[in-house]
PDB file of all heavy atoms in Angstrom:
ATOM      1  N   PHE A   1       8.211 -45.724 -10.127  1.00  0.00           N
ATOM      2  CA  PHE A   1       9.595 -45.922  -9.740  1.00  0.00           C
ATOM      3  C   PHE A   1       9.868 -45.759  -8.248  1.00  0.00           C
ATOM      4  O   PHE A   1      10.707 -46.469  -7.699  1.00  0.00           O
ATOM      5  CB  PHE A   1      10.511 -45.017 -10.565  1.00  0.00           C
ATOM      6  CG  PHE A   1      10.616 -45.472 -11.984  1.00  0.00           C
ATOM      7  CD1 PHE A   1       9.796 -44.947 -12.960  1.00  0.00           C
ATOM      8  CD2 PHE A   1      11.514 -46.451 -12.341  1.00  0.00           C
ATOM      9  CE1 PHE A   1       9.875 -45.377 -14.260  1.00  0.00           C
ATOM     10  CE2 PHE A   1      11.608 -46.901 -13.639  1.00  0.00           C
ATOM     11  CZ  PHE A   1      10.786 -46.361 -14.610  1.00  0.00           C
ATOM     12  N   ILE A   2       9.183 -44.836  -7.575  1.00  0.00           N
ATOM     13  CA  ILE A   2       9.428 -44.690  -6.132  1.00  0.00           C
ATOM     14  C   ILE A   2       8.923 -45.920  -5.369  1.00  0.00           C
ATOM     15  O   ILE A   2       9.683 -46.501  -4.587  1.00  0.00           O
ATOM     16  CB  ILE A   2       8.833 -43.371  -5.598  1.00  0.00           C
ATOM     17  CG1 ILE A   2       9.605 -42.184  -6.183  1.00  0.00           C
ATOM     18  CG2 ILE A   2       8.888 -43.336  -4.069  1.00  0.00           C
ATOM     19  CD1 ILE A   2       9.048 -40.837  -5.798  1.00  0.00           C
ATOM     20  N   PRO A   3       7.661 -46.367  -5.583  1.00  0.00           N
ATOM     21  CA  PRO A   3       7.235 -47.573  -4.858  1.00  0.00           C
ATOM     22  C   PRO A   3       8.029 -48.817  -5.234  1.00  0.00           C
ATOM     23  O   PRO A   3       8.342 -49.646  -4.373  1.00  0.00           O
ATOM     24  CB  PRO A   3       5.766 -47.738  -5.243  1.00  0.00           C
ATOM     25  CG  PRO A   3       5.335 -46.423  -5.723  1.00  0.00           C
ATOM     26  CD  PRO A   3       6.545 -45.769  -6.306  1.00  0.00           C
ATOM     27  N   ALA A   4       8.378 -48.953  -6.510  1.00  0.00           N
ATOM     28  CA  ALA A   4       9.138 -50.138  -6.930  1.00  0.00           C
ATOM     29  C   ALA A   4      10.511 -50.161  -6.266  1.00  0.00           C
ATOM     30  O   ALA A   4      10.954 -51.211  -5.793  1.00  0.00           O
ATOM     31  CB  ALA A   4       9.277 -50.164  -8.446  1.00  0.00           C
ATOM     32  N   SER A   5      11.180 -49.020  -6.211  1.00  0.00           N
ATOM     33  CA  SER A   5      12.503 -48.964  -5.569  1.00  0.00           C
ATOM     34  C   SER A   5      12.389 -49.272  -4.091  1.00  0.00           C
ATOM     35  O   SER A   5      13.217 -49.994  -3.529  1.00  0.00           O
ATOM     36  CB  SER A   5      13.115 -47.575  -5.745  1.00  0.00           C
ATOM     37  OG  SER A   5      13.210 -47.241  -7.087  1.00  0.00           O
ATOM     38  N   TRP A   6      11.361 -48.741  -3.449  1.00  0.00           N
ATOM     39  CA  TRP A   6      11.166 -48.984  -2.022  1.00  0.00           C
ATOM     40  C   TRP A   6      10.880 -50.463  -1.755  1.00  0.00           C
ATOM     41  O   TRP A   6      11.446 -51.054  -0.836  1.00  0.00           O
ATOM     42  CB  TRP A   6      10.013 -48.106  -1.520  1.00  0.00           C
ATOM     43  CG  TRP A   6       9.717 -48.291  -0.079  1.00  0.00           C
ATOM     44  CD1 TRP A   6      10.467 -47.857   0.970  1.00  0.00           C
ATOM     45  CD2 TRP A   6       8.602 -48.973   0.475  1.00  0.00           C
ATOM     46  NE1 TRP A   6       9.868 -48.219   2.145  1.00  0.00           N
ATOM     47  CE2 TRP A   6       8.720 -48.905   1.871  1.00  0.00           C
ATOM     48  CE3 TRP A   6       7.503 -49.625  -0.071  1.00  0.00           C
ATOM     49  CZ2 TRP A   6       7.787 -49.472   2.726  1.00  0.00           C
ATOM     50  CZ3 TRP A   6       6.576 -50.181   0.772  1.00  0.00           C
ATOM     51  CH2 TRP A   6       6.722 -50.107   2.141  1.00  0.00           C
ATOM     52  N   ILE A   7      10.008 -51.069  -2.575  1.00  0.00           N
ATOM     53  CA  ILE A   7       9.688 -52.492  -2.401  1.00  0.00           C
ATOM     54  C   ILE A   7      10.923 -53.350  -2.632  1.00  0.00           C
ATOM     55  O   ILE A   7      11.195 -54.287  -1.869  1.00  0.00           O
ATOM     56  CB  ILE A   7       8.539 -52.902  -3.352  1.00  0.00           C
ATOM     57  CG1 ILE A   7       7.233 -52.257  -2.905  1.00  0.00           C
ATOM     58  CG2 ILE A   7       8.391 -54.408  -3.422  1.00  0.00           C
ATOM     59  CD1 ILE A   7       6.107 -52.379  -3.906  1.00  0.00           C
ATOM     60  N   MET A   8      11.692 -53.042  -3.680  1.00  0.00           N
ATOM     61  CA  MET A   8      12.899 -53.832  -3.944  1.00  0.00           C
ATOM     62  C   MET A   8      13.929 -53.676  -2.833  1.00  0.00           C
ATOM     63  O   MET A   8      14.627 -54.622  -2.490  1.00  0.00           O
ATOM     64  CB  MET A   8      13.496 -53.450  -5.301  1.00  0.00           C
ATOM     65  CG  MET A   8      12.723 -54.005  -6.463  1.00  0.00           C
ATOM     66  SD  MET A   8      13.536 -53.726  -8.047  1.00  0.00           S
ATOM     67  CE  MET A   8      13.046 -52.056  -8.394  1.00  0.00           C
ATOM     68  N   MET A   9      14.032 -52.484  -2.259  1.00  0.00           N
ATOM     69  CA  MET A   9      14.973 -52.284  -1.147  1.00  0.00           C
ATOM     70  C   MET A   9      14.593 -53.145   0.046  1.00  0.00           C
ATOM     71  O   MET A   9      15.451 -53.672   0.755  1.00  0.00           O
ATOM     72  CB  MET A   9      15.016 -50.813  -0.730  1.00  0.00           C
ATOM     73  CG  MET A   9      15.756 -49.923  -1.664  1.00  0.00           C
ATOM     74  SD  MET A   9      17.507 -50.273  -1.779  1.00  0.00           S
ATOM     75  CE  MET A   9      18.081 -49.764  -0.173  1.00  0.00           C
ATOM     76  N   ARG A  10      13.315 -53.304   0.297  1.00  0.00           N
ATOM     77  CA  ARG A  10      12.862 -54.126   1.409  1.00  0.00           C
ATOM     78  C   ARG A  10      12.952 -55.613   1.079  1.00  0.00           C
ATOM     79  O   ARG A  10      13.230 -56.437   1.942  1.00  0.00           O
ATOM     80  CB  ARG A  10      11.443 -53.750   1.800  1.00  0.00           C
ATOM     81  CG  ARG A  10      11.362 -52.348   2.370  1.00  0.00           C
ATOM     82  CD  ARG A  10       9.954 -51.968   2.712  1.00  0.00           C
ATOM     83  NE  ARG A  10       9.337 -52.849   3.660  1.00  0.00           N
ATOM     84  CZ  ARG A  10       9.257 -52.627   4.970  1.00  0.00           C
ATOM     85  NH1 ARG A  10       9.782 -51.532   5.454  1.00  0.00           N
ATOM     86  NH2 ARG A  10       8.656 -53.480   5.762  1.00  0.00           N
ATOM     87  N   TRP A  11      12.702 -55.953  -0.169  1.00  0.00           N
ATOM     88  CA  TRP A  11      12.635 -57.349  -0.580  1.00  0.00           C
ATOM     89  C   TRP A  11      14.034 -57.944  -0.781  1.00  0.00           C
ATOM     90  O   TRP A  11      14.281 -59.100  -0.456  1.00  0.00           O
ATOM     91  CB  TRP A  11      11.826 -57.429  -1.856  1.00  0.00           C
ATOM     92  CG  TRP A  11      11.626 -58.784  -2.436  1.00  0.00           C
ATOM     93  CD1 TRP A  11      11.499 -59.968  -1.763  1.00  0.00           C
ATOM     94  CD2 TRP A  11      11.528 -59.114  -3.812  1.00  0.00           C
ATOM     95  NE1 TRP A  11      11.316 -60.994  -2.635  1.00  0.00           N
ATOM     96  CE2 TRP A  11      11.324 -60.496  -3.904  1.00  0.00           C
ATOM     97  CE3 TRP A  11      11.566 -58.363  -4.974  1.00  0.00           C
ATOM     98  CZ2 TRP A  11      11.180 -61.144  -5.113  1.00  0.00           C
ATOM     99  CZ3 TRP A  11      11.412 -59.010  -6.168  1.00  0.00           C
ATOM    100  CH2 TRP A  11      11.217 -60.395  -6.240  1.00  0.00           C
ATOM    101  N   LEU A  12      14.966 -57.171  -1.308  1.00  0.00           N
ATOM    102  CA  LEU A  12      16.303 -57.671  -1.653  1.00  0.00           C
ATOM    103  C   LEU A  12      17.362 -57.267  -0.632  1.00  0.00           C
ATOM    104  O   LEU A  12      18.539 -57.204  -0.956  1.00  0.00           O
ATOM    105  CB  LEU A  12      16.714 -57.141  -3.036  1.00  0.00           C
ATOM    106  CG  LEU A  12      15.766 -57.433  -4.187  1.00  0.00           C
ATOM    107  CD1 LEU A  12      16.232 -56.717  -5.435  1.00  0.00           C
ATOM    108  CD2 LEU A  12      15.653 -58.918  -4.416  1.00  0.00           C
ATOM    109  N   ARG A  13      16.962 -57.010   0.581  1.00  0.00           N
ATOM    110  CA  ARG A  13      17.866 -56.495   1.602  1.00  0.00           C
ATOM    111  C   ARG A  13      19.086 -57.394   1.826  1.00  0.00           C
ATOM    112  O   ARG A  13      20.149 -56.931   2.197  1.00  0.00           O
ATOM    113  CB  ARG A  13      17.113 -56.310   2.915  1.00  0.00           C
ATOM    114  CG  ARG A  13      17.960 -55.657   3.949  1.00  0.00           C
ATOM    115  CD  ARG A  13      17.217 -54.821   4.922  1.00  0.00           C
ATOM    116  NE  ARG A  13      16.337 -53.807   4.431  1.00  0.00           N
ATOM    117  CZ  ARG A  13      16.705 -52.556   4.160  1.00  0.00           C
ATOM    118  NH1 ARG A  13      17.947 -52.202   4.274  1.00  0.00           N
ATOM    119  NH2 ARG A  13      15.834 -51.675   3.776  1.00  0.00           N
ATOM    120  N   HIS A  14      18.952 -58.679   1.584  1.00  0.00           N
ATOM    121  CA  HIS A  14      20.037 -59.622   1.842  1.00  0.00           C
ATOM    122  C   HIS A  14      21.138 -59.602   0.773  1.00  0.00           C
ATOM    123  O   HIS A  14      22.204 -60.175   0.983  1.00  0.00           O
ATOM    124  CB  HIS A  14      19.460 -61.036   1.958  1.00  0.00           C
ATOM    125  CG  HIS A  14      18.825 -61.516   0.686  1.00  0.00           C
ATOM    126  ND1 HIS A  14      17.543 -61.110   0.307  1.00  0.00           N
ATOM    127  CD2 HIS A  14      19.271 -62.319  -0.300  1.00  0.00           C
ATOM    128  CE1 HIS A  14      17.254 -61.670  -0.849  1.00  0.00           C
ATOM    129  NE2 HIS A  14      18.282 -62.410  -1.244  1.00  0.00           N
ATOM    130  N   LEU A  15      20.913 -58.957  -0.354  1.00  0.00           N
ATOM    131  CA  LEU A  15      21.890 -58.964  -1.444  1.00  0.00           C
ATOM    132  C   LEU A  15      22.978 -57.916  -1.238  1.00  0.00           C
ATOM    133  O   LEU A  15      22.713 -56.830  -0.725  1.00  0.00           O
ATOM    134  CB  LEU A  15      21.193 -58.687  -2.775  1.00  0.00           C
ATOM    135  CG  LEU A  15      20.237 -59.751  -3.278  1.00  0.00           C
ATOM    136  CD1 LEU A  15      19.571 -59.281  -4.555  1.00  0.00           C
ATOM    137  CD2 LEU A  15      20.960 -61.052  -3.504  1.00  0.00           C
ATOM    138  N   PRO A  16      24.207 -58.236  -1.641  1.00  0.00           N
ATOM    139  CA  PRO A  16      25.256 -57.200  -1.615  1.00  0.00           C
ATOM    140  C   PRO A  16      25.010 -56.204  -2.755  1.00  0.00           C
ATOM    141  O   PRO A  16      24.328 -56.510  -3.732  1.00  0.00           O
ATOM    142  CB  PRO A  16      26.545 -58.000  -1.846  1.00  0.00           C
ATOM    143  CG  PRO A  16      26.113 -59.239  -2.551  1.00  0.00           C
ATOM    144  CD  PRO A  16      24.708 -59.532  -2.073  1.00  0.00           C
ATOM    145  N   ASN A  17      25.567 -55.015  -2.617  1.00  0.00           N
ATOM    146  CA  ASN A  17      25.404 -53.949  -3.621  1.00  0.00           C
ATOM    147  C   ASN A  17      23.933 -53.686  -3.918  1.00  0.00           C
ATOM    148  O   ASN A  17      23.507 -53.619  -5.077  1.00  0.00           O
ATOM    149  CB  ASN A  17      26.144 -54.287  -4.914  1.00  0.00           C
ATOM    150  CG  ASN A  17      27.613 -54.506  -4.686  1.00  0.00           C
ATOM    151  OD1 ASN A  17      28.216 -53.833  -3.873  1.00  0.00           O
ATOM    152  ND2 ASN A  17      28.172 -55.465  -5.391  1.00  0.00           N
ATOM    153  N   LEU A  18      23.167 -53.529  -2.869  1.00  0.00           N
ATOM    154  CA  LEU A  18      21.717 -53.420  -2.987  1.00  0.00           C
ATOM    155  C   LEU A  18      21.291 -52.233  -3.847  1.00  0.00           C
ATOM    156  O   LEU A  18      20.459 -52.369  -4.739  1.00  0.00           O
ATOM    157  CB  LEU A  18      21.105 -53.320  -1.581  1.00  0.00           C
ATOM    158  CG  LEU A  18      19.601 -53.237  -1.488  1.00  0.00           C
ATOM    159  CD1 LEU A  18      18.977 -54.478  -2.105  1.00  0.00           C
ATOM    160  CD2 LEU A  18      19.187 -53.116  -0.045  1.00  0.00           C
ATOM    161  N   ALA A  19      21.853 -51.067  -3.597  1.00  0.00           N
ATOM    162  CA  ALA A  19      21.449 -49.875  -4.350  1.00  0.00           C
ATOM    163  C   ALA A  19      21.774 -50.029  -5.842  1.00  0.00           C
ATOM    164  O   ALA A  19      20.972 -49.622  -6.690  1.00  0.00           O
ATOM    165  CB  ALA A  19      22.126 -48.638  -3.777  1.00  0.00           C
ATOM    166  N   LEU A  20      22.909 -50.621  -6.162  1.00  0.00           N
ATOM    167  CA  LEU A  20      23.258 -50.824  -7.575  1.00  0.00           C
ATOM    168  C   LEU A  20      22.319 -51.819  -8.246  1.00  0.00           C
ATOM    169  O   LEU A  20      21.973 -51.655  -9.420  1.00  0.00           O
ATOM    170  CB  LEU A  20      24.698 -51.310  -7.695  1.00  0.00           C
ATOM    171  CG  LEU A  20      25.767 -50.270  -7.380  1.00  0.00           C
ATOM    172  CD1 LEU A  20      27.151 -50.901  -7.460  1.00  0.00           C
ATOM    173  CD2 LEU A  20      25.665 -49.104  -8.336  1.00  0.00           C
ATOM    174  N   ASN A  21      21.891 -52.844  -7.501  1.00  0.00           N
ATOM    175  CA  ASN A  21      20.926 -53.796  -8.061  1.00  0.00           C
ATOM    176  C   ASN A  21      19.600 -53.120  -8.362  1.00  0.00           C
ATOM    177  O   ASN A  21      19.010 -53.341  -9.425  1.00  0.00           O
ATOM    178  CB  ASN A  21      20.710 -54.965  -7.094  1.00  0.00           C
ATOM    179  CG  ASN A  21      21.868 -55.914  -7.065  1.00  0.00           C
ATOM    180  OD1 ASN A  21      22.569 -56.084  -8.048  1.00  0.00           O
ATOM    181  ND2 ASN A  21      22.085 -56.541  -5.925  1.00  0.00           N
ATOM    182  N   VAL A  22      19.124 -52.298  -7.448  1.00  0.00           N
ATOM    183  CA  VAL A  22      17.859 -51.592  -7.665  1.00  0.00           C
ATOM    184  C   VAL A  22      17.988 -50.615  -8.834  1.00  0.00           C
ATOM    185  O   VAL A  22      17.103 -50.530  -9.688  1.00  0.00           O
ATOM    186  CB  VAL A  22      17.409 -50.884  -6.370  1.00  0.00           C
ATOM    187  CG1 VAL A  22      16.190 -50.022  -6.616  1.00  0.00           C
ATOM    188  CG2 VAL A  22      17.122 -51.903  -5.279  1.00  0.00           C
ATOM    189  N   LEU A  23      19.095 -49.882  -8.889  1.00  0.00           N
ATOM    190  CA  LEU A  23      19.317 -48.959 -10.008  1.00  0.00           C
ATOM    191  C   LEU A  23      19.374 -49.698 -11.347  1.00  0.00           C
ATOM    192  O   LEU A  23      18.832 -49.223 -12.345  1.00  0.00           O
ATOM    193  CB  LEU A  23      20.599 -48.168  -9.797  1.00  0.00           C
ATOM    194  CG  LEU A  23      20.490 -46.935  -8.924  1.00  0.00           C
ATOM    195  CD1 LEU A  23      21.876 -46.382  -8.613  1.00  0.00           C
ATOM    196  CD2 LEU A  23      19.642 -45.880  -9.583  1.00  0.00           C
ATOM    197  N   SER A  24      20.019 -50.854 -11.369  1.00  0.00           N
ATOM    198  CA  SER A  24      20.117 -51.598 -12.631  1.00  0.00           C
ATOM    199  C   SER A  24      18.750 -52.076 -13.096  1.00  0.00           C
ATOM    200  O   SER A  24      18.460 -52.061 -14.296  1.00  0.00           O
ATOM    201  CB  SER A  24      21.083 -52.770 -12.488  1.00  0.00           C
ATOM    202  OG  SER A  24      20.551 -53.764 -11.640  1.00  0.00           O
ATOM    203  N   VAL A  25      17.890 -52.472 -12.164  1.00  0.00           N
ATOM    204  CA  VAL A  25      16.552 -52.918 -12.546  1.00  0.00           C
ATOM    205  C   VAL A  25      15.731 -51.758 -13.094  1.00  0.00           C
ATOM    206  O   VAL A  25      15.085 -51.878 -14.138  1.00  0.00           O
ATOM    207  CB  VAL A  25      15.840 -53.591 -11.348  1.00  0.00           C
ATOM    208  CG1 VAL A  25      14.370 -53.816 -11.639  1.00  0.00           C
ATOM    209  CG2 VAL A  25      16.504 -54.902 -10.998  1.00  0.00           C
ATOM    210  N   THR A  26      15.755 -50.618 -12.423  1.00  0.00           N
ATOM    211  CA  THR A  26      14.916 -49.502 -12.858  1.00  0.00           C
ATOM    212  C   THR A  26      15.411 -48.878 -14.167  1.00  0.00           C
ATOM    213  O   THR A  26      14.603 -48.567 -15.045  1.00  0.00           O
ATOM    214  CB  THR A  26      14.819 -48.426 -11.771  1.00  0.00           C
ATOM    215  OG1 THR A  26      16.118 -47.983 -11.411  1.00  0.00           O
ATOM    216  CG2 THR A  26      14.096 -48.948 -10.543  1.00  0.00           C
ATOM    217  N   ILE A  27      16.713 -48.723 -14.309  1.00  0.00           N
ATOM    218  CA  ILE A  27      17.249 -48.149 -15.548  1.00  0.00           C
ATOM    219  C   ILE A  27      17.010 -49.093 -16.724  1.00  0.00           C
ATOM    220  O   ILE A  27      16.627 -48.667 -17.817  1.00  0.00           O
ATOM    221  CB  ILE A  27      18.753 -47.815 -15.391  1.00  0.00           C
ATOM    222  CG1 ILE A  27      18.967 -46.753 -14.315  1.00  0.00           C
ATOM    223  CG2 ILE A  27      19.361 -47.384 -16.714  1.00  0.00           C
ATOM    224  CD1 ILE A  27      18.360 -45.409 -14.610  1.00  0.00           C
ATOM    225  N   SER A  28      17.199 -50.398 -16.509  1.00  0.00           N
ATOM    226  CA  SER A  28      16.961 -51.342 -17.601  1.00  0.00           C
ATOM    227  C   SER A  28      15.473 -51.425 -17.937  1.00  0.00           C
ATOM    228  O   SER A  28      15.102 -51.596 -19.096  1.00  0.00           O
ATOM    229  CB  SER A  28      17.511 -52.722 -17.256  1.00  0.00           C
ATOM    230  OG  SER A  28      16.830 -53.268 -16.153  1.00  0.00           O
ATOM    231  N   PHE A  29      14.602 -51.274 -16.934  1.00  0.00           N
ATOM    232  CA  PHE A  29      13.164 -51.248 -17.216  1.00  0.00           C
ATOM    233  C   PHE A  29      12.812 -50.056 -18.101  1.00  0.00           C
ATOM    234  O   PHE A  29      12.037 -50.188 -19.051  1.00  0.00           O
ATOM    235  CB  PHE A  29      12.361 -51.186 -15.911  1.00  0.00           C
ATOM    236  CG  PHE A  29      10.902 -50.948 -16.136  1.00  0.00           C
ATOM    237  CD1 PHE A  29      10.083 -51.978 -16.544  1.00  0.00           C
ATOM    238  CD2 PHE A  29      10.348 -49.691 -15.972  1.00  0.00           C
ATOM    239  CE1 PHE A  29       8.737 -51.764 -16.779  1.00  0.00           C
ATOM    240  CE2 PHE A  29       9.009 -49.471 -16.196  1.00  0.00           C
ATOM    241  CZ  PHE A  29       8.203 -50.507 -16.602  1.00  0.00           C
ATOM    242  N   ASN A  30      13.368 -48.900 -17.788  1.00  0.00           N
ATOM    243  CA  ASN A  30      13.098 -47.718 -18.599  1.00  0.00           C
ATOM    244  C   ASN A  30      13.611 -47.912 -20.028  1.00  0.00           C
ATOM    245  O   ASN A  30      12.951 -47.521 -20.993  1.00  0.00           O
ATOM    246  CB  ASN A  30      13.734 -46.489 -17.950  1.00  0.00           C
ATOM    247  CG  ASN A  30      13.127 -45.205 -18.450  1.00  0.00           C
ATOM    248  OD1 ASN A  30      11.951 -45.144 -18.757  1.00  0.00           O
ATOM    249  ND2 ASN A  30      13.941 -44.172 -18.525  1.00  0.00           N
ATOM    250  N   LEU A  31      14.771 -48.534 -20.171  1.00  0.00           N
ATOM    251  CA  LEU A  31      15.300 -48.824 -21.500  1.00  0.00           C
ATOM    252  C   LEU A  31      14.393 -49.789 -22.253  1.00  0.00           C
ATOM    253  O   LEU A  31      14.122 -49.603 -23.448  1.00  0.00           O
ATOM    254  CB  LEU A  31      16.718 -49.391 -21.388  1.00  0.00           C
ATOM    255  CG  LEU A  31      17.411 -49.746 -22.690  1.00  0.00           C
ATOM    256  CD1 LEU A  31      17.629 -48.497 -23.534  1.00  0.00           C
ATOM    257  CD2 LEU A  31      18.718 -50.435 -22.415  1.00  0.00           C
ATOM    258  N   VAL A  32      13.886 -50.804 -21.570  1.00  0.00           N
ATOM    259  CA  VAL A  32      13.000 -51.781 -22.211  1.00  0.00           C
ATOM    260  C   VAL A  32      11.715 -51.115 -22.684  1.00  0.00           C
ATOM    261  O   VAL A  32      11.203 -51.435 -23.758  1.00  0.00           O
ATOM    262  CB  VAL A  32      12.712 -52.961 -21.250  1.00  0.00           C
ATOM    263  CG1 VAL A  32      11.542 -53.799 -21.718  1.00  0.00           C
ATOM    264  CG2 VAL A  32      13.943 -53.822 -21.102  1.00  0.00           C
ATOM    265  N   THR A  33      11.186 -50.170 -21.907  1.00  0.00           N
ATOM    266  CA  THR A  33       9.957 -49.491 -22.348  1.00  0.00           C
ATOM    267  C   THR A  33      10.206 -48.693 -23.632  1.00  0.00           C
ATOM    268  O   THR A  33       9.343 -48.653 -24.510  1.00  0.00           O
ATOM    269  CB  THR A  33       9.398 -48.566 -21.254  1.00  0.00           C
ATOM    270  OG1 THR A  33      10.384 -47.617 -20.872  1.00  0.00           O
ATOM    271  CG2 THR A  33       8.944 -49.365 -20.055  1.00  0.00           C
ATOM    272  N   TYR A  34      11.383 -48.083 -23.759  1.00  0.00           N
ATOM    273  CA  TYR A  34      11.699 -47.378 -25.006  1.00  0.00           C
ATOM    274  C   TYR A  34      11.896 -48.362 -26.154  1.00  0.00           C
ATOM    275  O   TYR A  34      11.496 -48.083 -27.295  1.00  0.00           O
ATOM    276  CB  TYR A  34      12.931 -46.490 -24.841  1.00  0.00           C
ATOM    277  CG  TYR A  34      12.606 -45.177 -24.189  1.00  0.00           C
ATOM    278  CD1 TYR A  34      13.089 -44.864 -22.931  1.00  0.00           C
ATOM    279  CD2 TYR A  34      11.798 -44.244 -24.818  1.00  0.00           C
ATOM    280  CE1 TYR A  34      12.781 -43.662 -22.321  1.00  0.00           C
ATOM    281  CE2 TYR A  34      11.481 -43.042 -24.231  1.00  0.00           C
ATOM    282  CZ  TYR A  34      11.969 -42.759 -22.984  1.00  0.00           C
ATOM    283  OH  TYR A  34      11.649 -41.572 -22.383  1.00  0.00           O
ATOM    284  N   LEU A  35      12.483 -49.518 -25.887  1.00  0.00           N
ATOM    285  CA  LEU A  35      12.636 -50.532 -26.949  1.00  0.00           C
ATOM    286  C   LEU A  35      11.278 -51.062 -27.397  1.00  0.00           C
ATOM    287  O   LEU A  35      11.072 -51.329 -28.579  1.00  0.00           O
ATOM    288  CB  LEU A  35      13.533 -51.666 -26.461  1.00  0.00           C
ATOM    289  CG  LEU A  35      15.005 -51.307 -26.263  1.00  0.00           C
ATOM    290  CD1 LEU A  35      15.766 -52.489 -25.657  1.00  0.00           C
ATOM    291  CD2 LEU A  35      15.635 -50.862 -27.558  1.00  0.00           C
ATOM    292  N   LEU A  36      10.351 -51.218 -26.444  1.00  0.00           N
ATOM    293  CA  LEU A  36       9.001 -51.643 -26.813  1.00  0.00           C
ATOM    294  C   LEU A  36       8.295 -50.575 -27.651  1.00  0.00           C
ATOM    295  O   LEU A  36       7.543 -50.898 -28.568  1.00  0.00           O
ATOM    296  CB  LEU A  36       8.185 -51.954 -25.560  1.00  0.00           C
ATOM    297  CG  LEU A  36       8.564 -53.224 -24.812  1.00  0.00           C
ATOM    298  CD1 LEU A  36       7.780 -53.327 -23.504  1.00  0.00           C
ATOM    299  CD2 LEU A  36       8.318 -54.447 -25.669  1.00  0.00           C
ATOM    300  N   LEU A  37       8.548 -49.323 -27.331  1.00  0.00           N
ATOM    301  CA  LEU A  37       7.971 -48.227 -28.109  1.00  0.00           C
ATOM    302  C   LEU A  37       8.499 -48.253 -29.548  1.00  0.00           C
ATOM    303  O   LEU A  37       7.739 -48.051 -30.496  1.00  0.00           O
ATOM    304  CB  LEU A  37       8.292 -46.885 -27.448  1.00  0.00           C
ATOM    305  CG  LEU A  37       7.720 -45.644 -28.096  1.00  0.00           C
ATOM    306  CD1 LEU A  37       6.199 -45.646 -28.004  1.00  0.00           C
ATOM    307  CD2 LEU A  37       8.280 -44.409 -27.434  1.00  0.00           C
ATOM    308  N   ILE A  38       9.785 -48.517 -29.702  1.00  0.00           N
ATOM    309  CA  ILE A  38      10.361 -48.625 -31.046  1.00  0.00           C
ATOM    310  C   ILE A  38       9.769 -49.821 -31.779  1.00  0.00           C
ATOM    311  O   ILE A  38       9.416 -49.743 -32.960  1.00  0.00           O
ATOM    312  CB  ILE A  38      11.901 -48.732 -30.964  1.00  0.00           C
ATOM    313  CG1 ILE A  38      12.493 -47.419 -30.480  1.00  0.00           C
ATOM    314  CG2 ILE A  38      12.487 -49.112 -32.319  1.00  0.00           C
ATOM    315  CD1 ILE A  38      13.966 -47.502 -30.146  1.00  0.00           C
ATOM    316  N   GLY A  39       9.635 -50.951 -31.065  1.00  0.00           N
ATOM    317  CA  GLY A  39       9.064 -52.150 -31.684  1.00  0.00           C
ATOM    318  C   GLY A  39       7.611 -51.980 -32.082  1.00  0.00           C
ATOM    319  O   GLY A  39       7.150 -52.585 -33.052  1.00  0.00           O
ATOM    320  N   ALA A  40       6.882 -51.150 -31.366  1.00  0.00           N
ATOM    321  CA  ALA A  40       5.472 -50.906 -31.689  1.00  0.00           C
ATOM    322  C   ALA A  40       5.306 -49.793 -32.716  1.00  0.00           C
ATOM    323  O   ALA A  40       4.183 -49.397 -33.021  1.00  0.00           O
ATOM    324  CB  ALA A  40       4.710 -50.554 -30.412  1.00  0.00           C
ATOM    325  N   HIS A  41       6.413 -49.281 -33.233  1.00  0.00           N
ATOM    326  CA  HIS A  41       6.418 -48.205 -34.221  1.00  0.00           C
ATOM    327  C   HIS A  41       5.711 -46.955 -33.691  1.00  0.00           C
ATOM    328  O   HIS A  41       5.022 -46.258 -34.437  1.00  0.00           O
ATOM    329  CB  HIS A  41       5.790 -48.654 -35.552  1.00  0.00           C
ATOM    330  CG  HIS A  41       6.484 -49.825 -36.155  1.00  0.00           C
ATOM    331  ND1 HIS A  41       7.745 -49.729 -36.693  1.00  0.00           N
ATOM    332  CD2 HIS A  41       6.110 -51.121 -36.290  1.00  0.00           C
ATOM    333  CE1 HIS A  41       8.106 -50.911 -37.138  1.00  0.00           C
ATOM    334  NE2 HIS A  41       7.142 -51.779 -36.902  1.00  0.00           N
ATOM    335  N   GLY A  42       5.898 -46.703 -32.392  1.00  0.00           N
ATOM    336  CA  GLY A  42       5.332 -45.509 -31.781  1.00  0.00           C
ATOM    337  C   GLY A  42       6.221 -44.311 -32.030  1.00  0.00           C
ATOM    338  O   GLY A  42       7.372 -44.432 -32.453  1.00  0.00           O
TER     339      GLY A  42
END
């Protein structure tokens, strides 16, 4: 999460609401990993 946030901050610098965009990507990624865990019956 630290390198991904740093890379996205550098890569998406031109977008408005940059911090909210990065937060939405990381939080949704974490949610998707839990959904995959449920789907895999883990």
